[in-house]
Amino acid sequence: MNPEQAERITQYADMFAAMGTESRLRIMQRLLASHPQGLVVGEIQAALGLSGSNLSHHLDKLRIEGLVRVEREGTFLRYRANAAALQQLLAFLYAECCSRSTAVNPRAILKLNK
């Protein structure tokens, strides 16, 4: 494995780790459902029932790992899922499981979403 591949795998592992809690996975689910407009912090907080400090901690971890983007809108912070980063992460998984091996049938994945 060359250094670039090793760095990418480390990055993807960090991204998976960032989504590795129930709260962060629920945040990502909400942000993806609201894509592309995203949600302001108060909307996320109301939907998930997290305290402000707890939500801030989770959003910061997701932002640091590049899974979400944040923009200031006046006095509000709007968060959006980073679709490009998620696409790279899914492409990595897809390449390993569905094109370089036969571990998972890609059609089976599509059936799960129906």
C-alpha atoms as a PDB file:
ATOM      1  CA  MET A   1       0.000   0.000   0.000  1.00  0.00           C
ATOM      2  CA  ASN A   2       1.434   3.360  -0.968  1.00  0.00           C
ATOM      3  CA  PRO A   3       1.420   6.346   1.433  1.00  0.00           C
ATOM      4  CA  GLU A   4      -1.484   8.044  -0.375  1.00  0.00           C
ATOM      5  CA  GLN A   5      -3.671   4.944  -0.045  1.00  0.00           C
ATOM      6  CA  ALA A   6      -2.745   4.592   3.624  1.00  0.00           C
ATOM      7  CA  GLU A   7      -3.642   8.237   4.267  1.00  0.00           C
ATOM      8  CA  ARG A   8      -7.009   7.810   2.530  1.00  0.00           C
ATOM      9  CA  ILE A   9      -7.836   4.720   4.574  1.00  0.00           C
ATOM     10  CA  THR A  10      -6.961   6.589   7.772  1.00  0.00           C
ATOM     11  CA  GLN A  11      -9.220   9.451   6.675  1.00  0.00           C
ATOM     12  CA  TYR A  12     -12.110   7.088   5.922  1.00  0.00           C
ATOM     13  CA  ALA A  13     -11.635   5.290   9.245  1.00  0.00           C
ATOM     14  CA  ASP A  14     -11.847   8.647  11.026  1.00  0.00           C
ATOM     15  CA  MET A  15     -15.017   9.491   9.116  1.00  0.00           C
ATOM     16  CA  PHE A  16     -16.624   6.184  10.075  1.00  0.00           C
ATOM     17  CA  ALA A  17     -15.556   6.690  13.694  1.00  0.00           C
ATOM     18  CA  ALA A  18     -17.140  10.147  13.688  1.00  0.00           C
ATOM     19  CA  MET A  19     -20.464   8.619  12.670  1.00  0.00           C
ATOM     20  CA  GLY A  20     -20.038   5.792  15.161  1.00  0.00           C
ATOM     21  CA  THR A  21     -22.440   7.082  17.791  1.00  0.00           C
ATOM     22  CA  GLU A  22     -26.217   6.999  17.701  1.00  0.00           C
ATOM     23  CA  SER A  23     -26.497  10.772  18.050  1.00  0.00           C
ATOM     24  CA  ARG A  24     -24.085  11.530  15.210  1.00  0.00           C
ATOM     25  CA  LEU A  25     -25.689   8.990  12.938  1.00  0.00           C
ATOM     26  CA  ARG A  26     -29.100  10.541  13.663  1.00  0.00           C
ATOM     27  CA  ILE A  27     -27.651  14.006  12.916  1.00  0.00           C
ATOM     28  CA  MET A  28     -26.287  12.763   9.587  1.00  0.00           C
ATOM     29  CA  GLN A  29     -29.637  11.165   8.784  1.00  0.00           C
ATOM     30  CA  ARG A  30     -31.448  14.462   9.434  1.00  0.00           C
ATOM     31  CA  LEU A  31     -28.946  16.488   7.414  1.00  0.00           C
ATOM     32  CA  LEU A  32     -29.157  14.095   4.483  1.00  0.00           C
ATOM     33  CA  ALA A  33     -32.956  14.221   4.599  1.00  0.00           C
ATOM     34  CA  SER A  34     -32.802  18.023   4.447  1.00  0.00           C
ATOM     35  CA  HIS A  35     -30.197  18.138   1.677  1.00  0.00           C
ATOM     36  CA  PRO A  36     -29.286  20.501   0.082  1.00  0.00           C
ATOM     37  CA  GLN A  37     -30.723  23.264   2.281  1.00  0.00           C
ATOM     38  CA  GLY A  38     -29.511  21.740   5.550  1.00  0.00           C
ATOM     39  CA  LEU A  39     -30.723  22.702   9.007  1.00  0.00           C
ATOM     40  CA  VAL A  40     -29.950  25.374  11.554  1.00  0.00           C
ATOM     41  CA  VAL A  41     -28.784  24.194  14.964  1.00  0.00           C
ATOM     42  CA  GLY A  42     -32.152  24.867  16.613  1.00  0.00           C
ATOM     43  CA  GLU A  43     -33.926  22.660  14.078  1.00  0.00           C
ATOM     44  CA  ILE A  44     -31.510  19.790  14.691  1.00  0.00           C
ATOM     45  CA  GLN A  45     -31.808  20.249  18.443  1.00  0.00           C
ATOM     46  CA  ALA A  46     -35.617  20.245  18.332  1.00  0.00           C
ATOM     47  CA  ALA A  47     -35.724  17.163  16.122  1.00  0.00           C
ATOM     48  CA  LEU A  48     -33.298  15.101  18.183  1.00  0.00           C
ATOM     49  CA  GLY A  49     -33.849  16.422  21.701  1.00  0.00           C
ATOM     50  CA  LEU A  50     -30.159  16.899  22.462  1.00  0.00           C
ATOM     51  CA  SER A  51     -28.824  19.531  24.829  1.00  0.00           C
ATOM     52  CA  GLY A  52     -27.060  22.470  23.204  1.00  0.00           C
ATOM     53  CA  SER A  53     -23.618  21.496  24.488  1.00  0.00           C
ATOM     54  CA  ASN A  54     -24.074  17.855  23.516  1.00  0.00           C
ATOM     55  CA  LEU A  55     -25.257  18.787  20.022  1.00  0.00           C
ATOM     56  CA  SER A  56     -22.393  21.254  19.609  1.00  0.00           C
ATOM     57  CA  HIS A  57     -19.876  18.539  20.521  1.00  0.00           C
ATOM     58  CA  HIS A  58     -21.340  16.099  17.980  1.00  0.00           C
ATOM     59  CA  LEU A  59     -21.597  18.667  15.189  1.00  0.00           C
ATOM     60  CA  ASP A  60     -18.013  19.747  15.790  1.00  0.00           C
ATOM     61  CA  LYS A  61     -16.747  16.173  15.494  1.00  0.00           C
ATOM     62  CA  LEU A  62     -18.654  15.688  12.232  1.00  0.00           C
ATOM     63  CA  ARG A  63     -17.307  19.012  10.919  1.00  0.00           C
ATOM     64  CA  ILE A  64     -13.702  18.193  11.829  1.00  0.00           C
ATOM     65  CA  GLU A  65     -13.921  14.926   9.901  1.00  0.00           C
ATOM     66  CA  GLY A  66     -15.370  16.728   6.863  1.00  0.00           C
ATOM     67  CA  LEU A  67     -18.788  15.082   6.994  1.00  0.00           C
ATOM     68  CA  VAL A  68     -20.712  18.321   7.478  1.00  0.00           C
ATOM     69  CA  ARG A  69     -20.240  21.917   6.450  1.00  0.00           C
ATOM     70  CA  VAL A  70     -21.327  24.905   8.468  1.00  0.00           C
ATOM     71  CA  GLU A  71     -22.218  28.447   7.387  1.00  0.00           C
ATOM     72  CA  ARG A  72     -23.163  31.417   9.506  1.00  0.00           C
ATOM     73  CA  GLU A  73     -26.493  33.020   8.606  1.00  0.00           C
ATOM     74  CA  GLY A  74     -26.808  36.095  10.773  1.00  0.00           C
ATOM     75  CA  THR A  75     -27.018  34.750  14.314  1.00  0.00           C
ATOM     76  CA  PHE A  76     -27.684  31.153  13.170  1.00  0.00           C
ATOM     77  CA  LEU A  77     -25.373  28.344  12.112  1.00  0.00           C
ATOM     78  CA  ARG A  78     -26.637  26.228   9.217  1.00  0.00           C
ATOM     79  CA  TYR A  79     -25.258  22.714   8.840  1.00  0.00           C
ATOM     80  CA  ARG A  80     -25.303  20.693   5.650  1.00  0.00           C
ATOM     81  CA  ALA A  81     -24.152  17.162   4.910  1.00  0.00           C
ATOM     82  CA  ASN A  82     -20.972  17.197   2.844  1.00  0.00           C
ATOM     83  CA  ALA A  83     -22.322  15.130  -0.037  1.00  0.00           C
ATOM     84  CA  ALA A  84     -18.956  15.024  -1.838  1.00  0.00           C
ATOM     85  CA  ALA A  85     -17.202  13.526   1.198  1.00  0.00           C
ATOM     86  CA  LEU A  86     -19.969  10.969   1.686  1.00  0.00           C
ATOM     87  CA  GLN A  87     -19.806  10.055  -1.988  1.00  0.00           C
ATOM     88  CA  GLN A  88     -16.055   9.399  -1.677  1.00  0.00           C
ATOM     89  CA  LEU A  89     -16.629   7.264   1.404  1.00  0.00           C
ATOM     90  CA  LEU A  90     -19.345   5.222  -0.296  1.00  0.00           C
ATOM     91  CA  ALA A  91     -17.260   4.866  -3.466  1.00  0.00           C
ATOM     92  CA  PHE A  92     -14.419   3.463  -1.360  1.00  0.00           C
ATOM     93  CA  LEU A  93     -16.726   0.883   0.215  1.00  0.00           C
ATOM     94  CA  TYR A  94     -18.368   0.047  -3.090  1.00  0.00           C
ATOM     95  CA  ALA A  95     -15.031  -0.510  -4.814  1.00  0.00           C
ATOM     96  CA  GLU A  96     -13.893  -2.893  -2.094  1.00  0.00           C
ATOM     97  CA  CYS A  97     -17.079  -4.890  -1.593  1.00  0.00           C
ATOM     98  CA  CYS A  98     -18.836  -4.798  -4.924  1.00  0.00           C
ATOM     99  CA  SER A  99     -16.333  -4.452  -7.733  1.00  0.00           C
ATOM    100  CA  ARG A 100     -13.048  -5.962  -6.496  1.00  0.00           C
ATOM    101  CA  SER A 101     -14.759  -8.871  -4.779  1.00  0.00           C
ATOM    102  CA  THR A 102     -18.117 -10.587  -4.714  1.00  0.00           C
ATOM    103  CA  ALA A 103     -18.697 -10.077  -0.980  1.00  0.00           C
ATOM    104  CA  VAL A 104     -21.844  -8.025  -1.571  1.00  0.00           C
ATOM    105  CA  ASN A 105     -24.096  -8.032  -4.592  1.00  0.00           C
ATOM    106  CA  PRO A 106     -24.752  -4.385  -5.589  1.00  0.00           C
ATOM    107  CA  ARG A 107     -28.322  -5.260  -6.562  1.00  0.00           C
ATOM    108  CA  ALA A 108     -28.966  -6.470  -3.008  1.00  0.00           C
ATOM    109  CA  ILE A 109     -28.052  -3.004  -1.713  1.00  0.00           C
ATOM    110  CA  LEU A 110     -30.547  -1.376  -4.055  1.00  0.00           C
ATOM    111  CA  LYS A 111     -33.287  -3.755  -2.903  1.00  0.00           C
ATOM    112  CA  LEU A 112     -32.749  -2.659   0.702  1.00  0.00           C
ATOM    113  CA  ASN A 113     -33.695   0.907  -0.206  1.00  0.00           C
ATOM    114  CA  LYS A 114     -37.033   0.012  -1.806  1.00  0.00           C
END
